[in-house]
Amino acid sequence: MNDASQTSAGFVAVLGAPNAGKSTFVNRAVGAKVSIVSPKVQTTRTRVLGILIKDAAQILFVDTPGIFQPRRRLDRAMVASAWGSAGDADVILLMIDAERGLDSNTKSILDGLKKRKQEKPNAPAPILVLNKVDAAEKGKLLALAQELNDLELFSDTFMISALTGDGVSDLVDFCAERMAPGPWLFPEDQISDMPARLLAAEVTREKLYLQLQKELPYAATVETETWTNQDDGSIRIEQVIFVERDSQKAIVLGKRGSRIKEIGAASRRELEGMFECRVHLFLFVKVREKWGDDPERYRDWGLDFNA
């Protein structure tokens, strides 16, 4: 159904500090993996769109990079992208890790929302979403909700567990009701606007992070160099993992190439499930000292190099 007289569509920006559970929530809401997840903070680097049809509404969830105190060029670009997404959204969700409470990054976001309220007093108030309630102590959870609602910034409060799905459907229904009347913005069967080449690179980056959480900080990125649709219906993908130093290359490769084989196998399994065909994945590791200062890379991610 896409009769513009009955349908609605709009953007829901999901803001929050790193590791608040934004990507897990978007994946849960959409019902498919559109954003990568790892225990590493700042895993999400670029704006990721997850598209959901709920009755007559098309909800475009924008999973934003976590907002934190930026130190590097890439950090600044990620934070600017998050706030930019909020500016364009019909609904803003502020997601807070209920177990962690108010850390310095969340307080910084609250300051930004207060400034937004002053500058745009008629803009719809953001929605407070307390996530990970399954892990939070009840008394602490209620006190946190009270403290945040006393700020008079939020129109509504939801308590959810993105991991288990508890409370997520109620929040999705709430967002659906707030979409603006009009035609859907994407085809009915599309769940993300991320190009397949970039999504494939992100999946491999997730597996890299999961394997090397503590050994490889943020000194690595992944690019899909070639993508070939084969005559037998399979896909041949060649990707390069860029690191900044030779010592990091050795870590990624592992003893006799064992680690990169594990990363490749895990990525290939997930990609085959996503693309529903056989995937031939080839990974290479290259040293590029300042990949984080390459304007072309920011353009591919949809980030502002000069933020």
Protein backbone atom coordinates (compact mmCIF):
# COMPACT_ATOMS: atom_id res chain seq x y z
CA MET A 1 0.00 0.00 0.00
CA ASN A 2 1.41 3.40 -0.97
CA ASP A 3 -1.58 5.64 -1.53
CA ALA A 4 -0.24 9.08 -0.63
CA SER A 5 -3.69 10.12 0.67
CA GLN A 6 -3.44 7.47 3.41
CA THR A 7 0.28 6.95 3.97
CA SER A 8 2.77 8.82 6.13
CA ALA A 9 6.56 8.98 6.39
CA GLY A 10 9.23 10.69 8.43
CA PHE A 11 12.63 10.56 10.06
CA VAL A 12 13.35 9.45 13.64
CA ALA A 13 16.85 10.44 14.81
CA VAL A 14 18.27 8.22 17.55
CA LEU A 15 20.75 10.23 19.61
CA GLY A 16 22.82 9.08 22.55
CA ALA A 17 26.25 8.62 24.05
CA PRO A 18 28.48 5.85 22.67
CA ASN A 19 27.24 2.35 23.57
CA ALA A 20 23.78 3.52 24.67
CA GLY A 21 22.33 0.78 22.44
CA LYS A 22 21.24 2.89 19.47
CA SER A 23 22.33 0.42 16.77
CA THR A 24 20.85 -2.54 18.66
CA PHE A 25 17.55 -0.63 18.90
CA VAL A 26 17.45 0.28 15.19
CA ASN A 27 18.25 -3.30 14.18
CA ARG A 28 15.55 -4.59 16.55
CA ALA A 29 12.95 -2.07 15.33
CA VAL A 30 13.61 -2.74 11.64
CA GLY A 31 13.77 -6.49 12.21
CA ALA A 32 17.02 -6.87 10.27
CA LYS A 33 20.66 -5.91 10.67
CA VAL A 34 21.25 -2.49 9.14
CA SER A 35 23.83 -1.17 11.61
CA ILE A 36 26.88 -2.93 13.01
CA VAL A 37 27.22 -3.53 16.75
CA SER A 38 30.21 -4.18 18.98
CA PRO A 39 31.13 -3.55 22.64
CA LYS A 40 33.57 -0.93 21.34
CA VAL A 41 32.34 2.63 21.75
CA GLN A 42 32.00 4.72 18.59
CA THR A 43 31.47 1.64 16.42
CA THR A 44 28.90 3.56 14.32
CA ARG A 45 30.84 6.09 12.25
CA THR A 46 28.31 7.32 9.76
CA ARG A 47 24.60 7.96 9.61
CA VAL A 48 22.75 4.66 9.02
CA LEU A 49 19.15 4.61 7.86
CA GLY A 50 16.89 1.73 8.92
CA ILE A 51 13.54 1.68 7.12
CA LEU A 52 10.40 0.18 8.69
CA ILE A 53 6.83 -0.05 7.42
CA LYS A 54 4.35 0.06 10.31
CA ASP A 55 0.76 -0.11 9.03
CA ALA A 56 0.49 2.92 6.68
CA ALA A 57 3.58 4.67 8.08
CA GLN A 58 7.12 4.44 6.74
CA ILE A 59 9.51 5.18 9.61
CA LEU A 60 13.07 6.11 8.69
CA PHE A 61 15.19 5.46 11.79
CA VAL A 62 18.51 7.33 11.68
CA ASP A 63 21.14 5.53 13.74
CA THR A 64 23.66 8.27 14.52
CA PRO A 65 27.25 8.04 15.74
CA GLY A 66 27.48 8.34 19.51
CA ILE A 67 27.92 11.92 20.72
CA PHE A 68 31.06 12.35 22.81
CA GLN A 69 33.85 14.85 23.41
CA PRO A 70 35.71 14.85 20.07
CA ARG A 71 39.50 14.68 19.99
CA ARG A 72 40.32 13.79 16.37
CA ARG A 73 39.08 14.96 12.99
CA LEU A 74 37.02 11.77 12.60
CA ASP A 75 35.48 12.32 16.06
CA ARG A 76 34.41 15.87 15.13
CA ALA A 77 32.89 14.69 11.86
CA MET A 78 30.94 11.92 13.62
CA VAL A 79 29.51 14.27 16.27
CA ALA A 80 28.58 16.86 13.63
CA SER A 81 26.78 14.13 11.65
CA ALA A 82 24.76 13.12 14.73
CA TRP A 83 23.59 16.65 15.48
CA GLY A 84 22.91 17.27 11.78
CA SER A 85 20.60 14.25 11.69
CA ALA A 86 18.73 15.58 14.72
CA GLY A 87 18.16 18.90 12.97
CA ASP A 88 16.43 17.21 10.05
CA ALA A 89 14.31 14.74 12.05
CA ASP A 90 10.56 14.68 12.67
CA VAL A 91 11.10 12.84 15.97
CA ILE A 92 14.21 12.83 18.18
CA LEU A 93 14.84 9.95 20.57
CA LEU A 94 17.47 10.47 23.24
CA MET A 95 18.62 7.00 24.24
CA ILE A 96 20.32 6.64 27.61
CA ASP A 97 21.92 3.54 29.09
CA ALA A 98 19.81 3.19 32.24
CA GLU A 99 22.45 1.09 33.95
CA ARG A 100 25.24 3.62 33.31
CA GLY A 101 23.12 6.69 34.03
CA LEU A 102 24.24 10.25 33.33
CA ASP A 103 27.84 10.23 32.15
CA SER A 104 29.67 13.30 30.82
CA ASN A 105 28.73 12.52 27.21
CA THR A 106 25.00 12.29 28.04
CA LYS A 107 25.19 15.55 30.01
CA SER A 108 26.76 17.19 26.95
CA ILE A 109 23.85 15.97 24.79
CA LEU A 110 21.34 17.32 27.33
CA ASP A 111 23.08 20.71 27.11
CA GLY A 112 22.74 20.54 23.32
CA LEU A 113 19.01 19.74 23.59
CA LYS A 114 18.51 22.65 26.02
CA LYS A 115 20.19 24.96 23.49
CA ARG A 116 17.95 23.56 20.73
CA LYS A 117 14.87 24.29 22.86
CA GLN A 118 15.96 27.90 23.28
CA GLU A 119 16.71 28.36 19.58
CA LYS A 120 13.63 26.45 18.34
CA PRO A 121 10.95 26.78 21.02
CA ASN A 122 8.23 25.49 18.66
CA ALA A 123 10.10 22.35 17.60
CA PRO A 124 8.65 19.05 18.87
CA ALA A 125 10.16 18.03 22.19
CA PRO A 126 12.49 15.01 22.11
CA ILE A 127 11.46 11.62 23.51
CA LEU A 128 13.40 10.12 26.41
CA VAL A 129 14.26 6.44 25.95
CA LEU A 130 15.85 4.64 28.89
CA ASN A 131 17.48 1.52 27.45
CA LYS A 132 18.91 -1.61 29.11
CA VAL A 133 16.21 -1.52 31.78
CA ASP A 134 16.59 -5.30 32.12
CA ALA A 135 20.04 -4.69 33.65
CA ALA A 136 19.23 -1.60 35.74
CA GLU A 137 18.27 -1.61 39.42
CA LYS A 138 14.62 -0.49 39.69
CA GLY A 139 15.10 2.24 42.33
CA LYS A 140 18.01 3.74 40.39
CA LEU A 141 15.99 3.56 37.16
CA LEU A 142 13.00 5.46 38.60
CA ALA A 143 15.28 8.09 40.16
CA LEU A 144 17.04 8.59 36.82
CA ALA A 145 13.71 8.97 35.00
CA GLN A 146 12.55 11.54 37.58
CA GLU A 147 15.79 13.52 37.36
CA LEU A 148 15.59 13.69 33.57
CA ASN A 149 11.90 14.57 33.45
CA ASP A 150 12.48 17.38 35.93
CA LEU A 151 14.51 19.08 33.16
CA GLU A 152 11.23 19.61 31.25
CA LEU A 153 12.93 18.75 27.97
CA PHE A 154 10.99 15.62 27.02
CA SER A 155 7.36 15.11 25.98
CA ASP A 156 7.31 11.36 26.70
CA THR A 157 9.40 8.67 28.37
CA PHE A 158 9.86 5.05 27.30
CA MET A 159 11.69 2.28 29.14
CA ILE A 160 12.97 -0.46 26.87
CA SER A 161 15.49 -3.22 26.41
CA ALA A 162 16.71 -3.13 22.82
CA LEU A 163 18.55 -6.39 23.47
CA THR A 164 15.46 -8.39 24.50
CA GLY A 165 12.90 -6.31 22.58
CA ASP A 166 10.94 -5.39 25.71
CA GLY A 167 9.05 -2.12 25.13
CA VAL A 168 10.38 -1.65 21.58
CA SER A 169 7.06 -2.25 19.78
CA ASP A 170 5.32 0.41 21.92
CA LEU A 171 8.01 2.93 21.01
CA VAL A 172 7.74 2.02 17.31
CA ASP A 173 3.95 2.48 17.43
CA PHE A 174 4.45 5.87 19.06
CA CYS A 175 6.85 6.95 16.29
CA ALA A 176 4.51 5.68 13.56
CA GLU A 177 1.73 7.91 14.85
CA ARG A 178 3.98 10.94 14.52
CA MET A 179 4.95 10.51 10.87
CA ALA A 180 3.75 13.25 8.52
CA PRO A 181 1.03 12.42 5.96
CA GLY A 182 2.48 11.87 2.49
CA PRO A 183 3.99 9.26 0.17
CA TRP A 184 6.59 6.76 1.30
CA LEU A 185 10.15 7.88 0.54
CA PHE A 186 11.62 4.43 -0.23
CA PRO A 187 10.34 1.25 -1.93
CA GLU A 188 8.30 -1.04 0.29
CA ASP A 189 10.91 -3.83 0.37
CA GLN A 190 13.94 -1.61 1.16
CA ILE A 191 15.29 -1.75 4.73
CA SER A 192 18.30 0.58 4.45
CA ASP A 193 19.80 3.21 2.18
CA MET A 194 23.35 1.97 2.73
CA PRO A 195 25.02 0.75 -0.50
CA ALA A 196 25.81 -2.99 -0.45
CA ARG A 197 29.56 -2.34 -0.87
CA LEU A 198 29.64 -0.09 2.21
CA LEU A 199 27.43 -2.46 4.22
CA ALA A 200 29.77 -5.36 3.40
CA ALA A 201 32.77 -3.30 4.58
CA GLU A 202 30.94 -2.41 7.78
CA VAL A 203 30.18 -6.07 8.51
CA THR A 204 33.88 -6.94 8.20
CA ARG A 205 34.78 -3.96 10.42
CA GLU A 206 32.37 -5.28 13.05
CA LYS A 207 34.04 -8.71 13.00
CA LEU A 208 37.44 -7.00 13.22
CA TYR A 209 36.33 -5.07 16.31
CA LEU A 210 34.81 -8.15 17.93
CA GLN A 211 38.08 -10.07 17.44
CA LEU A 212 40.41 -7.26 18.48
CA GLN A 213 38.53 -5.15 21.01
CA LYS A 214 41.50 -4.18 23.15
CA GLU A 215 44.41 -4.83 20.82
CA LEU A 216 43.37 -2.48 18.01
CA PRO A 217 41.83 0.81 19.16
CA TYR A 218 40.44 2.96 16.33
CA ALA A 219 43.39 2.54 14.03
CA ALA A 220 41.59 0.39 11.47
CA THR A 221 39.01 0.79 8.73
CA VAL A 222 37.71 -1.47 5.98
CA GLU A 223 37.00 -0.71 2.33
CA THR A 224 35.39 -2.84 -0.36
CA GLU A 225 37.75 -2.56 -3.35
CA THR A 226 36.04 -4.87 -5.83
CA TRP A 227 32.57 -6.41 -6.07
CA THR A 228 31.84 -8.91 -8.84
CA ASN A 229 28.52 -10.66 -9.43
CA GLN A 230 29.53 -14.08 -10.75
CA ASP A 231 27.73 -16.10 -13.45
CA ASP A 232 26.78 -18.79 -10.91
CA GLY A 233 24.90 -16.27 -8.73
CA SER A 234 27.65 -15.87 -6.16
CA ILE A 235 29.49 -12.64 -5.28
CA ARG A 236 33.25 -12.15 -5.21
CA ILE A 237 34.27 -9.40 -2.80
CA GLU A 238 37.78 -8.07 -2.20
CA GLN A 239 38.27 -5.85 0.83
CA VAL A 240 41.22 -4.01 2.30
CA ILE A 241 41.70 -3.50 6.03
CA PHE A 242 43.71 -0.30 6.49
CA VAL A 243 45.80 0.12 9.64
CA GLU A 244 48.24 2.86 10.63
CA ARG A 245 51.35 0.86 11.59
CA ASP A 246 53.15 -2.36 10.70
CA SER A 247 52.70 -3.63 14.27
CA GLN A 248 48.92 -3.33 13.83
CA LYS A 249 49.10 -5.23 10.55
CA ALA A 250 50.75 -8.14 12.38
CA ILE A 251 47.95 -8.09 14.99
CA VAL A 252 45.23 -8.25 12.33
CA LEU A 253 46.95 -11.06 10.42
CA GLY A 254 47.62 -13.15 13.52
CA LYS A 255 50.01 -16.08 13.72
CA ARG A 256 50.39 -17.56 10.22
CA GLY A 257 47.32 -15.59 9.11
CA SER A 258 45.02 -17.33 11.61
CA ARG A 259 43.26 -14.22 12.84
CA ILE A 260 42.40 -12.72 9.48
CA LYS A 261 41.03 -16.12 8.44
CA GLU A 262 38.70 -16.09 11.46
CA ILE A 263 37.59 -12.52 10.71
CA GLY A 264 36.99 -13.41 7.04
CA ALA A 265 35.02 -16.55 7.88
CA ALA A 266 32.75 -14.72 10.34
CA SER A 267 32.15 -11.86 7.90
CA ARG A 268 31.48 -14.22 4.99
CA ARG A 269 28.87 -16.17 6.98
CA GLU A 270 26.97 -12.99 7.83
CA LEU A 271 27.20 -11.58 4.30
CA GLU A 272 25.84 -14.82 2.84
CA GLY A 273 22.86 -14.53 5.18
CA MET A 274 22.33 -10.88 4.22
CA PHE A 275 22.66 -11.29 0.45
CA GLU A 276 21.17 -14.82 0.33
CA CYS A 277 23.86 -16.22 -1.94
CA ARG A 278 27.36 -17.66 -1.83
CA VAL A 279 30.04 -15.07 -1.05
CA HIS A 280 33.73 -15.40 -1.91
CA LEU A 281 35.44 -12.93 0.43
CA PHE A 282 39.12 -12.00 0.14
CA LEU A 283 40.72 -9.78 2.80
CA PHE A 284 44.00 -7.88 2.51
CA VAL A 285 45.75 -5.77 5.14
CA LYS A 286 47.60 -2.58 4.18
CA VAL A 287 49.38 0.08 6.20
CA ARG A 288 48.26 3.64 5.50
CA GLU A 289 49.52 5.94 8.23
CA LYS A 290 46.94 8.72 8.08
CA TRP A 291 43.84 7.11 6.62
CA GLY A 292 41.84 9.18 9.13
CA ASP A 293 42.87 12.38 7.33
CA ASP A 294 41.81 11.34 3.83
CA PRO A 295 38.94 13.56 2.51
CA GLU A 296 37.80 10.85 0.07
CA ARG A 297 37.12 8.45 2.93
CA TYR A 298 34.90 11.00 4.67
CA ARG A 299 32.94 11.51 1.45
CA ASP A 300 32.29 7.75 1.23
CA TRP A 301 30.98 7.77 4.82
CA GLY A 302 28.80 10.85 4.25
CA LEU A 303 30.78 12.84 6.84
CA ASP A 304 31.99 16.44 6.70
CA PHE A 305 35.82 16.41 6.47
CA ASN A 306 35.92 20.01 7.77
CA ALA A 307 33.51 19.60 10.70
